[in-house]
């Protein structure tokens, strides 16, 4: 579950996982904890961080600080991504596919946390290879870093791209969605 870490900036944090390791010493086992945290403002900015400490709260706090430093802005097309991408990290691969309005985020826990903190509400995903949460989160961040907005592509190519498939899909979904007036009329009837 997401929690606010900066009320003024609207930055939320979600903990993907807490991991325990043990070192055997003379008196028994000494435990150490690490945590993987994703932070975002649900408006296109997201970052992931990893922290280690001897207690869980300290590990989470360190990871949050690391994630806030790693936050970057990624392009969005309405409530979905601008085009299909595939991110890789280690043995993990994650394919991110734009979806029409109303689809929701179809993803596993580690991938979903990154996409929801970014603010995506409609996206299809498929992961391949290793399902290690640390690598999956980094693979999603790699995929998001490959995203380009329509304006960036037009500037790079030096020509007009026209209407993209994703824009058409978002437009068709918006046209099919009920308007606020229709919703209030149905509620009053």
N, C-alpha and C. Protein backbone atom coordinates (compact mmCIF):
# COMPACT_ATOMS: atom_id res chain seq x y z
N UNK A 1 0.84 -1.18 0.00
CA UNK A 1 0.00 0.00 0.00
C UNK A 1 0.88 1.24 0.00
N UNK A 2 0.45 2.25 -0.75
CA UNK A 2 1.25 3.46 -0.89
C UNK A 2 1.07 4.36 0.32
N UNK A 3 2.13 5.05 0.67
CA UNK A 3 2.09 6.02 1.77
C UNK A 3 2.77 7.29 1.29
N UNK A 4 2.25 8.45 1.75
CA UNK A 4 2.84 9.73 1.38
C UNK A 4 4.13 9.93 2.15
N UNK A 5 5.21 10.31 1.42
CA UNK A 5 6.46 10.65 2.11
C UNK A 5 6.73 12.14 2.01
N UNK A 6 6.04 12.82 1.07
CA UNK A 6 6.19 14.27 0.94
C UNK A 6 4.82 14.83 0.56
N UNK A 7 4.11 15.33 1.56
CA UNK A 7 2.75 15.84 1.32
C UNK A 7 2.75 17.01 0.35
N UNK A 8 3.73 17.92 0.47
CA UNK A 8 3.72 19.12 -0.36
C UNK A 8 3.96 18.78 -1.84
N UNK A 9 4.85 17.82 -2.12
CA UNK A 9 5.14 17.46 -3.50
C UNK A 9 4.26 16.35 -4.02
N UNK A 10 3.45 15.75 -3.15
CA UNK A 10 2.58 14.66 -3.58
C UNK A 10 3.33 13.38 -3.91
N UNK A 11 4.49 13.18 -3.29
CA UNK A 11 5.29 11.99 -3.59
C UNK A 11 4.86 10.85 -2.68
N UNK A 12 4.52 9.72 -3.30
CA UNK A 12 4.11 8.53 -2.57
C UNK A 12 5.18 7.47 -2.67
N UNK A 13 5.13 6.54 -1.73
CA UNK A 13 6.11 5.47 -1.66
C UNK A 13 5.40 4.14 -1.47
N UNK A 14 5.90 3.11 -2.12
CA UNK A 14 5.40 1.76 -1.88
C UNK A 14 6.59 0.82 -1.76
N UNK A 15 6.52 -0.07 -0.81
CA UNK A 15 7.60 -1.02 -0.57
C UNK A 15 7.33 -2.29 -1.36
N UNK A 16 8.22 -2.60 -2.29
CA UNK A 16 8.07 -3.80 -3.13
C UNK A 16 8.43 -5.04 -2.32
N UNK A 17 9.51 -4.96 -1.55
CA UNK A 17 9.90 -6.12 -0.76
C UNK A 17 10.92 -5.79 0.30
N UNK A 18 10.90 -6.58 1.36
CA UNK A 18 11.90 -6.50 2.43
C UNK A 18 12.59 -7.85 2.46
N UNK A 19 13.91 -7.84 2.42
CA UNK A 19 14.69 -9.07 2.32
C UNK A 19 15.59 -9.22 3.54
N UNK A 20 15.66 -10.43 4.09
CA UNK A 20 16.46 -10.69 5.29
C UNK A 20 17.64 -11.57 4.93
N UNK A 21 18.81 -11.19 5.41
CA UNK A 21 20.00 -12.03 5.24
C UNK A 21 20.58 -12.28 6.63
N UNK A 22 21.31 -13.36 6.76
CA UNK A 22 21.87 -13.72 8.07
C UNK A 22 23.35 -14.02 7.91
N UNK A 23 24.15 -13.50 8.84
CA UNK A 23 25.57 -13.81 8.90
C UNK A 23 25.80 -14.61 10.18
N UNK A 24 26.43 -15.75 10.06
CA UNK A 24 26.70 -16.57 11.24
C UNK A 24 27.96 -16.06 11.92
N UNK A 25 27.80 -15.69 13.18
CA UNK A 25 28.93 -15.19 13.97
C UNK A 25 29.08 -16.08 15.19
N UNK A 26 30.03 -15.74 16.04
CA UNK A 26 30.36 -16.58 17.20
C UNK A 26 29.15 -16.81 18.11
N UNK A 27 28.35 -15.78 18.31
CA UNK A 27 27.21 -15.91 19.23
C UNK A 27 25.94 -16.42 18.58
N UNK A 28 25.93 -16.70 17.32
CA UNK A 28 24.72 -17.17 16.62
C UNK A 28 24.60 -16.50 15.26
N UNK A 29 23.40 -16.09 14.93
CA UNK A 29 23.18 -15.43 13.64
C UNK A 29 22.92 -13.95 13.84
N UNK A 30 23.50 -13.15 12.95
CA UNK A 30 23.26 -11.71 12.95
C UNK A 30 22.45 -11.40 11.70
N UNK A 31 21.26 -10.83 11.88
CA UNK A 31 20.37 -10.56 10.76
C UNK A 31 20.56 -9.15 10.25
N UNK A 32 20.43 -9.02 8.95
CA UNK A 32 20.49 -7.73 8.27
C UNK A 32 19.30 -7.67 7.31
N UNK A 33 18.79 -6.47 7.09
CA UNK A 33 17.61 -6.32 6.24
C UNK A 33 17.90 -5.36 5.10
N UNK A 34 17.30 -5.64 3.96
CA UNK A 34 17.36 -4.73 2.83
C UNK A 34 15.95 -4.56 2.30
N UNK A 35 15.69 -3.42 1.67
CA UNK A 35 14.35 -3.18 1.15
C UNK A 35 14.43 -2.53 -0.22
N UNK A 36 13.42 -2.84 -1.02
CA UNK A 36 13.26 -2.28 -2.36
C UNK A 36 12.01 -1.42 -2.35
N UNK A 37 12.17 -0.13 -2.67
CA UNK A 37 11.07 0.83 -2.58
C UNK A 37 10.93 1.56 -3.90
N UNK A 38 9.69 1.85 -4.29
CA UNK A 38 9.40 2.65 -5.48
C UNK A 38 8.66 3.89 -5.02
N UNK A 39 9.10 5.06 -5.48
CA UNK A 39 8.42 6.32 -5.17
C UNK A 39 8.00 7.00 -6.47
N UNK A 40 6.91 7.76 -6.39
CA UNK A 40 6.43 8.47 -7.56
C UNK A 40 5.38 9.48 -7.17
N UNK A 41 5.04 10.36 -8.13
CA UNK A 41 4.03 11.37 -7.87
C UNK A 41 2.73 11.08 -8.63
N UNK A 42 2.64 9.91 -9.26
CA UNK A 42 1.46 9.50 -10.05
C UNK A 42 1.16 10.50 -11.15
N UNK A 43 2.20 11.17 -11.62
CA UNK A 43 2.02 12.16 -12.69
C UNK A 43 3.18 12.09 -13.68
N UNK A 44 3.79 10.91 -13.85
CA UNK A 44 4.86 10.75 -14.81
C UNK A 44 6.25 10.66 -14.22
N UNK A 45 6.40 10.92 -12.91
CA UNK A 45 7.71 10.83 -12.26
C UNK A 45 7.75 9.60 -11.39
N UNK A 46 8.84 8.82 -11.51
CA UNK A 46 8.98 7.61 -10.70
C UNK A 46 10.46 7.30 -10.52
N UNK A 47 10.78 6.63 -9.42
CA UNK A 47 12.15 6.21 -9.15
C UNK A 47 12.15 5.01 -8.21
N UNK A 48 13.19 4.20 -8.29
CA UNK A 48 13.30 3.01 -7.44
C UNK A 48 14.59 3.11 -6.63
N UNK A 49 14.54 2.59 -5.40
CA UNK A 49 15.70 2.64 -4.53
C UNK A 49 15.84 1.38 -3.71
N UNK A 50 17.07 1.13 -3.28
CA UNK A 50 17.40 -0.07 -2.53
C UNK A 50 18.22 0.37 -1.33
N UNK A 51 17.86 -0.11 -0.13
CA UNK A 51 18.58 0.29 1.07
C UNK A 51 18.80 -0.88 2.00
N UNK A 52 19.91 -0.85 2.74
CA UNK A 52 20.25 -1.92 3.69
C UNK A 52 20.48 -1.33 5.07
N UNK A 53 20.04 -2.05 6.10
CA UNK A 53 20.27 -1.62 7.48
C UNK A 53 20.05 -2.81 8.40
N UNK A 54 20.31 -2.61 9.71
CA UNK A 54 20.13 -3.69 10.67
C UNK A 54 18.69 -3.82 11.15
N UNK A 55 17.86 -2.79 10.91
CA UNK A 55 16.44 -2.86 11.23
C UNK A 55 15.64 -2.52 9.97
N UNK A 56 14.42 -3.06 9.90
CA UNK A 56 13.58 -2.88 8.71
C UNK A 56 13.22 -1.41 8.48
N UNK A 57 12.76 -0.64 9.48
CA UNK A 57 12.39 0.75 9.20
C UNK A 57 13.55 1.58 8.65
N UNK A 58 14.74 1.35 9.16
CA UNK A 58 15.91 2.08 8.67
C UNK A 58 16.22 1.71 7.22
N UNK A 59 16.06 0.43 6.88
CA UNK A 59 16.30 -0.01 5.51
C UNK A 59 15.30 0.63 4.56
N UNK A 60 14.04 0.71 4.98
CA UNK A 60 13.01 1.32 4.14
C UNK A 60 13.28 2.81 3.96
N UNK A 61 13.68 3.47 5.04
CA UNK A 61 13.97 4.91 4.95
C UNK A 61 15.14 5.19 4.01
N UNK A 62 16.19 4.37 4.09
CA UNK A 62 17.34 4.53 3.18
C UNK A 62 16.91 4.31 1.74
N UNK A 63 16.07 3.30 1.52
CA UNK A 63 15.61 3.01 0.16
C UNK A 63 14.76 4.15 -0.39
N UNK A 64 13.93 4.76 0.46
CA UNK A 64 13.11 5.89 0.02
C UNK A 64 13.98 7.07 -0.39
N UNK A 65 15.02 7.35 0.39
CA UNK A 65 15.93 8.45 0.03
C UNK A 65 16.63 8.17 -1.30
N UNK A 66 17.06 6.92 -1.48
CA UNK A 66 17.71 6.53 -2.73
C UNK A 66 16.75 6.66 -3.91
N UNK A 67 15.51 6.26 -3.70
CA UNK A 67 14.51 6.31 -4.78
C UNK A 67 14.17 7.75 -5.15
N UNK A 68 14.08 8.63 -4.16
CA UNK A 68 13.78 10.04 -4.46
C UNK A 68 14.89 10.68 -5.27
N UNK A 69 16.14 10.28 -5.00
CA UNK A 69 17.26 10.81 -5.79
C UNK A 69 17.22 10.28 -7.22
N UNK A 70 16.66 9.08 -7.40
CA UNK A 70 16.64 8.44 -8.72
C UNK A 70 15.40 8.78 -9.54
N UNK A 71 14.53 9.63 -9.01
CA UNK A 71 13.28 9.95 -9.73
C UNK A 71 13.55 10.65 -11.05
N UNK A 72 12.83 10.21 -12.09
CA UNK A 72 12.91 10.83 -13.41
C UNK A 72 11.52 10.96 -13.99
N UNK A 73 11.38 11.85 -14.98
CA UNK A 73 10.10 12.06 -15.65
C UNK A 73 10.07 11.21 -16.92
N UNK A 74 8.96 10.51 -17.12
CA UNK A 74 8.78 9.67 -18.31
C UNK A 74 7.52 10.11 -19.04
N UNK A 75 7.52 10.05 -20.38
CA UNK A 75 6.35 10.52 -21.14
C UNK A 75 5.16 9.57 -21.01
N UNK A 76 3.97 10.15 -21.01
CA UNK A 76 2.73 9.38 -20.96
C UNK A 76 1.80 9.90 -22.06
N UNK A 77 0.90 9.03 -22.50
CA UNK A 77 -0.13 9.41 -23.46
C UNK A 77 -1.47 9.23 -22.76
N UNK A 78 -1.96 10.29 -22.14
CA UNK A 78 -3.18 10.17 -21.35
C UNK A 78 -2.90 9.34 -20.10
N UNK A 79 -3.56 8.17 -20.00
CA UNK A 79 -3.37 7.30 -18.84
C UNK A 79 -2.55 6.07 -19.17
N UNK A 80 -1.92 6.04 -20.35
CA UNK A 80 -1.11 4.89 -20.77
C UNK A 80 0.24 5.36 -21.28
N UNK A 81 1.06 4.42 -21.78
CA UNK A 81 2.38 4.79 -22.31
C UNK A 81 2.26 5.15 -23.78
N UNK A 82 3.28 5.78 -24.32
CA UNK A 82 3.21 6.31 -25.68
C UNK A 82 3.37 5.23 -26.75
N UNK A 83 4.13 4.18 -26.46
CA UNK A 83 4.32 3.10 -27.43
C UNK A 83 4.83 1.87 -26.71
N UNK A 84 4.88 0.75 -27.43
CA UNK A 84 5.33 -0.50 -26.83
C UNK A 84 6.85 -0.50 -26.67
N UNK A 85 7.33 -0.96 -25.51
CA UNK A 85 8.77 -1.05 -25.25
C UNK A 85 9.07 -2.34 -24.50
N UNK A 86 10.34 -2.72 -24.53
CA UNK A 86 10.78 -3.88 -23.75
C UNK A 86 12.02 -3.49 -22.97
N UNK A 87 11.94 -3.61 -21.66
CA UNK A 87 13.07 -3.30 -20.79
C UNK A 87 13.78 -4.56 -20.36
N UNK A 88 15.08 -4.45 -20.18
CA UNK A 88 15.89 -5.60 -19.78
C UNK A 88 16.78 -5.22 -18.61
N UNK A 89 16.94 -6.16 -17.71
CA UNK A 89 17.96 -6.03 -16.67
C UNK A 89 18.30 -7.44 -16.21
N UNK A 90 19.56 -7.78 -16.30
CA UNK A 90 19.98 -9.12 -15.91
C UNK A 90 19.25 -10.16 -16.75
N UNK A 91 18.67 -11.16 -16.09
CA UNK A 91 17.94 -12.21 -16.80
C UNK A 91 16.46 -11.89 -16.92
N UNK A 92 16.05 -10.69 -16.52
CA UNK A 92 14.64 -10.31 -16.58
C UNK A 92 14.37 -9.42 -17.79
N UNK A 93 13.26 -9.69 -18.44
CA UNK A 93 12.77 -8.84 -19.53
C UNK A 93 11.31 -8.54 -19.24
N UNK A 94 10.91 -7.28 -19.47
CA UNK A 94 9.52 -6.88 -19.26
C UNK A 94 9.06 -6.11 -20.50
N UNK A 95 7.95 -6.58 -21.10
CA UNK A 95 7.36 -5.89 -22.24
C UNK A 95 6.19 -5.06 -21.73
N UNK A 96 6.19 -3.77 -22.06
CA UNK A 96 5.13 -2.84 -21.67
C UNK A 96 4.35 -2.48 -22.93
N UNK A 97 3.03 -2.66 -22.89
CA UNK A 97 2.19 -2.46 -24.06
C UNK A 97 1.09 -1.46 -23.70
N UNK A 98 0.90 -0.41 -24.52
CA UNK A 98 -0.17 0.55 -24.22
C UNK A 98 -1.54 -0.13 -24.33
N UNK A 99 -2.49 0.31 -23.51
CA UNK A 99 -3.82 -0.29 -23.49
C UNK A 99 -4.88 0.79 -23.61
N UNK A 100 -6.06 0.39 -24.09
CA UNK A 100 -7.17 1.32 -24.25
C UNK A 100 -7.74 1.70 -22.88
N UNK A 101 -8.40 2.84 -22.79
CA UNK A 101 -8.95 3.29 -21.51
C UNK A 101 -9.91 2.27 -20.91
N UNK A 102 -9.77 2.07 -19.61
CA UNK A 102 -10.62 1.13 -18.90
C UNK A 102 -10.02 -0.25 -18.73
N UNK A 103 -8.86 -0.49 -19.33
CA UNK A 103 -8.23 -1.81 -19.25
C UNK A 103 -7.67 -2.07 -17.86
N UNK A 104 -7.04 -1.06 -17.27
CA UNK A 104 -6.37 -1.22 -15.98
C UNK A 104 -4.92 -1.63 -16.17
N UNK A 105 -4.22 -1.79 -15.08
CA UNK A 105 -2.82 -2.23 -15.13
C UNK A 105 -2.80 -3.73 -14.94
N UNK A 106 -2.44 -4.45 -16.00
CA UNK A 106 -2.36 -5.91 -15.96
C UNK A 106 -0.89 -6.24 -15.76
N UNK A 107 -0.50 -6.53 -14.51
CA UNK A 107 0.91 -6.76 -14.20
C UNK A 107 1.03 -7.47 -12.87
N UNK A 108 2.19 -8.05 -12.65
CA UNK A 108 2.51 -8.66 -11.36
C UNK A 108 2.83 -7.58 -10.34
N UNK A 109 3.08 -7.99 -9.12
CA UNK A 109 3.25 -7.04 -8.01
C UNK A 109 4.42 -6.09 -8.22
N UNK A 110 5.59 -6.60 -8.60
CA UNK A 110 6.77 -5.75 -8.73
C UNK A 110 6.61 -4.76 -9.88
N UNK A 111 6.11 -5.22 -11.02
CA UNK A 111 5.93 -4.35 -12.18
C UNK A 111 4.81 -3.36 -11.92
N UNK A 112 3.72 -3.82 -11.30
CA UNK A 112 2.58 -2.97 -11.01
C UNK A 112 2.96 -1.79 -10.11
N UNK A 113 3.81 -2.03 -9.13
CA UNK A 113 4.18 -0.95 -8.20
C UNK A 113 4.84 0.21 -8.93
N UNK A 114 5.71 -0.09 -9.90
CA UNK A 114 6.38 0.98 -10.65
C UNK A 114 5.36 1.73 -11.52
N UNK A 115 4.51 0.99 -12.23
CA UNK A 115 3.56 1.62 -13.15
C UNK A 115 2.53 2.46 -12.40
N UNK A 116 2.06 1.98 -11.25
CA UNK A 116 1.08 2.74 -10.50
C UNK A 116 1.69 3.99 -9.87
N UNK A 117 2.93 3.91 -9.40
CA UNK A 117 3.58 5.10 -8.84
C UNK A 117 3.84 6.14 -9.93
N UNK A 118 4.01 5.68 -11.18
CA UNK A 118 4.19 6.60 -12.29
C UNK A 118 2.87 7.29 -12.64
N UNK A 119 1.75 6.63 -12.36
CA UNK A 119 0.46 7.22 -12.66
C UNK A 119 -0.25 6.56 -13.81
N UNK A 120 0.29 5.46 -14.33
CA UNK A 120 -0.38 4.76 -15.43
C UNK A 120 -1.60 4.03 -14.89
N UNK A 121 -2.70 4.10 -15.63
CA UNK A 121 -3.91 3.40 -15.23
C UNK A 121 -4.32 2.35 -16.24
N UNK A 122 -3.73 2.38 -17.44
CA UNK A 122 -4.06 1.41 -18.48
C UNK A 122 -2.76 0.95 -19.13
N UNK A 123 -2.36 -0.29 -18.87
CA UNK A 123 -1.12 -0.81 -19.44
C UNK A 123 -1.13 -2.33 -19.34
N UNK A 124 -0.69 -2.99 -20.40
CA UNK A 124 -0.53 -4.44 -20.40
C UNK A 124 0.96 -4.74 -20.26
N UNK A 125 1.29 -5.80 -19.54
CA UNK A 125 2.70 -6.16 -19.37
C UNK A 125 2.87 -7.67 -19.51
N UNK A 126 4.08 -8.05 -19.84
CA UNK A 126 4.44 -9.47 -19.84
C UNK A 126 5.90 -9.55 -19.45
N UNK A 127 6.21 -10.38 -18.44
CA UNK A 127 7.60 -10.53 -18.02
C UNK A 127 8.12 -11.87 -18.50
N UNK A 128 9.38 -11.88 -18.86
CA UNK A 128 10.06 -13.07 -19.34
C UNK A 128 11.32 -13.28 -18.53
N UNK A 129 11.74 -14.52 -18.39
CA UNK A 129 12.99 -14.81 -17.70
C UNK A 129 12.82 -14.80 -16.20
N UNK A 130 13.80 -14.26 -15.52
CA UNK A 130 13.82 -14.26 -14.05
C UNK A 130 12.68 -13.42 -13.49
N UNK A 131 12.06 -13.91 -12.41
CA UNK A 131 10.99 -13.15 -11.76
C UNK A 131 11.47 -12.53 -10.44
N UNK A 132 12.76 -12.30 -10.33
CA UNK A 132 13.35 -11.64 -9.16
C UNK A 132 12.82 -10.20 -9.10
N UNK A 133 12.16 -9.78 -7.99
CA UNK A 133 11.56 -8.45 -7.94
C UNK A 133 12.56 -7.32 -8.18
N UNK A 134 13.78 -7.46 -7.69
CA UNK A 134 14.79 -6.40 -7.88
C UNK A 134 15.08 -6.20 -9.36
N UNK A 135 15.26 -7.31 -10.08
CA UNK A 135 15.57 -7.21 -11.50
C UNK A 135 14.35 -6.77 -12.30
N UNK A 136 13.15 -7.20 -11.90
CA UNK A 136 11.94 -6.79 -12.62
C UNK A 136 11.73 -5.28 -12.52
N UNK A 137 11.92 -4.72 -11.33
CA UNK A 137 11.75 -3.27 -11.15
C UNK A 137 12.76 -2.53 -12.02
N UNK A 138 13.99 -2.98 -12.02
CA UNK A 138 15.02 -2.31 -12.84
C UNK A 138 14.74 -2.48 -14.32
N UNK A 139 14.17 -3.61 -14.73
CA UNK A 139 13.82 -3.83 -16.14
C UNK A 139 12.69 -2.88 -16.56
N UNK A 140 11.71 -2.65 -15.67
CA UNK A 140 10.62 -1.73 -15.98
C UNK A 140 11.17 -0.31 -16.12
N UNK A 141 12.04 0.09 -15.22
CA UNK A 141 12.65 1.43 -15.30
C UNK A 141 13.43 1.57 -16.61
N UNK A 142 14.14 0.50 -17.03
CA UNK A 142 14.86 0.52 -18.30
C UNK A 142 13.89 0.69 -19.46
N UNK A 143 12.77 -0.02 -19.41
CA UNK A 143 11.77 0.11 -20.47
C UNK A 143 11.18 1.52 -20.52
N UNK A 144 10.87 2.09 -19.35
CA UNK A 144 10.31 3.44 -19.32
C UNK A 144 11.31 4.46 -19.85
N UNK A 145 12.61 4.23 -19.63
CA UNK A 145 13.61 5.17 -20.12
C UNK A 145 13.72 5.15 -21.65
N UNK A 146 13.20 4.11 -22.29
CA UNK A 146 13.21 4.02 -23.76
C UNK A 146 12.02 4.73 -24.39
N UNK A 147 11.04 5.15 -23.57
CA UNK A 147 9.85 5.81 -24.11
C UNK A 147 10.21 7.17 -24.70
N UNK A 148 9.56 7.49 -25.82
CA UNK A 148 9.73 8.79 -26.46
C UNK A 148 8.35 9.38 -26.71
N UNK A 149 8.19 10.66 -26.48
CA UNK A 149 6.92 11.31 -26.76
C UNK A 149 6.82 11.58 -28.26
N UNK A 150 5.63 11.85 -28.71
CA UNK A 150 5.40 12.12 -30.14
C UNK A 150 6.22 13.34 -30.59
N UNK A 151 6.30 14.35 -29.73
CA UNK A 151 7.04 15.57 -30.07
C UNK A 151 8.53 15.28 -30.22
N UNK A 152 9.09 14.42 -29.34
CA UNK A 152 10.51 14.06 -29.43
C UNK A 152 10.79 13.33 -30.74
N UNK A 153 9.91 12.40 -31.11
CA UNK A 153 10.11 11.64 -32.35
C UNK A 153 10.03 12.57 -33.56
N UNK A 154 9.07 13.49 -33.54
CA UNK A 154 8.95 14.44 -34.66
C UNK A 154 10.19 15.31 -34.78
N UNK A 155 10.73 15.76 -33.65
CA UNK A 155 11.94 16.59 -33.67
C UNK A 155 13.14 15.80 -34.18
N UNK A 156 13.26 14.54 -33.76
CA UNK A 156 14.39 13.72 -34.20
C UNK A 156 14.32 13.41 -35.69
N UNK A 157 13.12 13.11 -36.20
CA UNK A 157 12.96 12.75 -37.61
C UNK A 157 12.84 13.96 -38.52
N UNK A 158 12.40 15.08 -37.95
CA UNK A 158 12.24 16.28 -38.75
C UNK A 158 11.02 16.24 -39.65
N UNK A 159 9.98 15.49 -39.26
CA UNK A 159 8.75 15.44 -40.03
C UNK A 159 7.57 15.19 -39.13
N UNK A 160 6.37 15.39 -39.69
CA UNK A 160 5.14 15.21 -38.91
C UNK A 160 4.76 13.73 -38.89
N UNK A 161 4.54 13.20 -37.70
CA UNK A 161 4.22 11.78 -37.55
C UNK A 161 2.75 11.51 -37.83
N UNK A 162 1.88 12.47 -37.56
CA UNK A 162 0.44 12.23 -37.71
C UNK A 162 -0.12 11.62 -36.45
N UNK A 163 -1.34 11.08 -36.56
CA UNK A 163 -1.97 10.46 -35.39
C UNK A 163 -1.42 9.05 -35.20
N UNK A 164 -0.97 8.76 -33.98
CA UNK A 164 -0.43 7.44 -33.69
C UNK A 164 -1.57 6.48 -33.33
N UNK A 165 -1.26 5.18 -33.34
CA UNK A 165 -2.26 4.17 -32.97
C UNK A 165 -2.72 4.36 -31.53
N UNK A 166 -1.78 4.72 -30.65
CA UNK A 166 -2.12 4.91 -29.24
C UNK A 166 -3.05 6.10 -29.08
N UNK A 167 -2.79 7.20 -29.81
CA UNK A 167 -3.69 8.36 -29.74
C UNK A 167 -5.09 8.00 -30.22
N UNK A 168 -5.16 7.21 -31.29
CA UNK A 168 -6.46 6.79 -31.81
C UNK A 168 -7.19 5.92 -30.78
N UNK A 169 -6.45 5.02 -30.13
CA UNK A 169 -7.03 4.14 -29.13
C UNK A 169 -7.56 4.95 -27.94
N UNK A 170 -6.77 5.91 -27.47
CA UNK A 170 -7.18 6.75 -26.34
C UNK A 170 -8.38 7.60 -26.73
N UNK A 171 -8.37 8.13 -27.94
CA UNK A 171 -9.50 8.94 -28.42
C UNK A 171 -10.78 8.12 -28.53
N UNK A 172 -10.68 6.90 -29.05
CA UNK A 172 -11.86 6.03 -29.17
C UNK A 172 -12.38 5.66 -27.79
N UNK A 173 -11.49 5.42 -26.85
CA UNK A 173 -11.91 5.09 -25.49
C UNK A 173 -12.59 6.26 -24.81
N UNK A 174 -12.07 7.47 -25.05
CA UNK A 174 -12.66 8.67 -24.46
C UNK A 174 -14.04 8.92 -25.07
N UNK A 175 -14.21 8.64 -26.36
CA UNK A 175 -15.50 8.85 -27.01
C UNK A 175 -16.54 7.85 -26.50
N UNK A 176 -16.11 6.63 -26.19
CA UNK A 176 -17.03 5.60 -25.72
C UNK A 176 -17.34 5.72 -24.23
N UNK A 177 -16.49 6.42 -23.49
CA UNK A 177 -16.70 6.56 -22.04
C UNK A 177 -17.90 7.45 -21.78
N UNK A 178 -18.68 7.13 -20.74
CA UNK A 178 -19.84 7.97 -20.44
C UNK A 178 -19.41 9.34 -19.93
N UNK A 179 -20.16 10.35 -20.31
CA UNK A 179 -19.85 11.70 -19.86
C UNK A 179 -20.39 11.89 -18.44
N UNK A 180 -19.95 12.94 -17.78
CA UNK A 180 -20.40 13.21 -16.42
C UNK A 180 -21.90 13.50 -16.39
N UNK A 181 -22.42 14.16 -17.43
CA UNK A 181 -23.85 14.48 -17.49
C UNK A 181 -24.68 13.20 -17.55
N UNK A 182 -24.22 12.23 -18.37
CA UNK A 182 -24.95 10.97 -18.50
C UNK A 182 -24.94 10.19 -17.19
N UNK A 183 -23.83 10.25 -16.48
CA UNK A 183 -23.71 9.54 -15.21
C UNK A 183 -24.66 10.14 -14.17
N UNK A 184 -24.75 11.48 -14.10
CA UNK A 184 -25.65 12.12 -13.14
C UNK A 184 -27.11 11.90 -13.50
N UNK A 185 -27.44 11.83 -14.80
CA UNK A 185 -28.82 11.55 -15.22
C UNK A 185 -29.22 10.13 -14.81
N UNK A 186 -28.31 9.17 -14.99
CA UNK A 186 -28.59 7.78 -14.60
C UNK A 186 -28.77 7.66 -13.09
N UNK A 187 -27.98 8.42 -12.34
CA UNK A 187 -28.07 8.34 -10.88
C UNK A 187 -29.38 8.95 -10.38
N UNK A 188 -29.86 10.00 -11.04
CA UNK A 188 -31.10 10.64 -10.60
C UNK A 188 -32.34 9.85 -11.02
N UNK A 189 -32.23 9.04 -12.06
CA UNK A 189 -33.39 8.28 -12.55
C UNK A 189 -33.70 7.05 -11.76
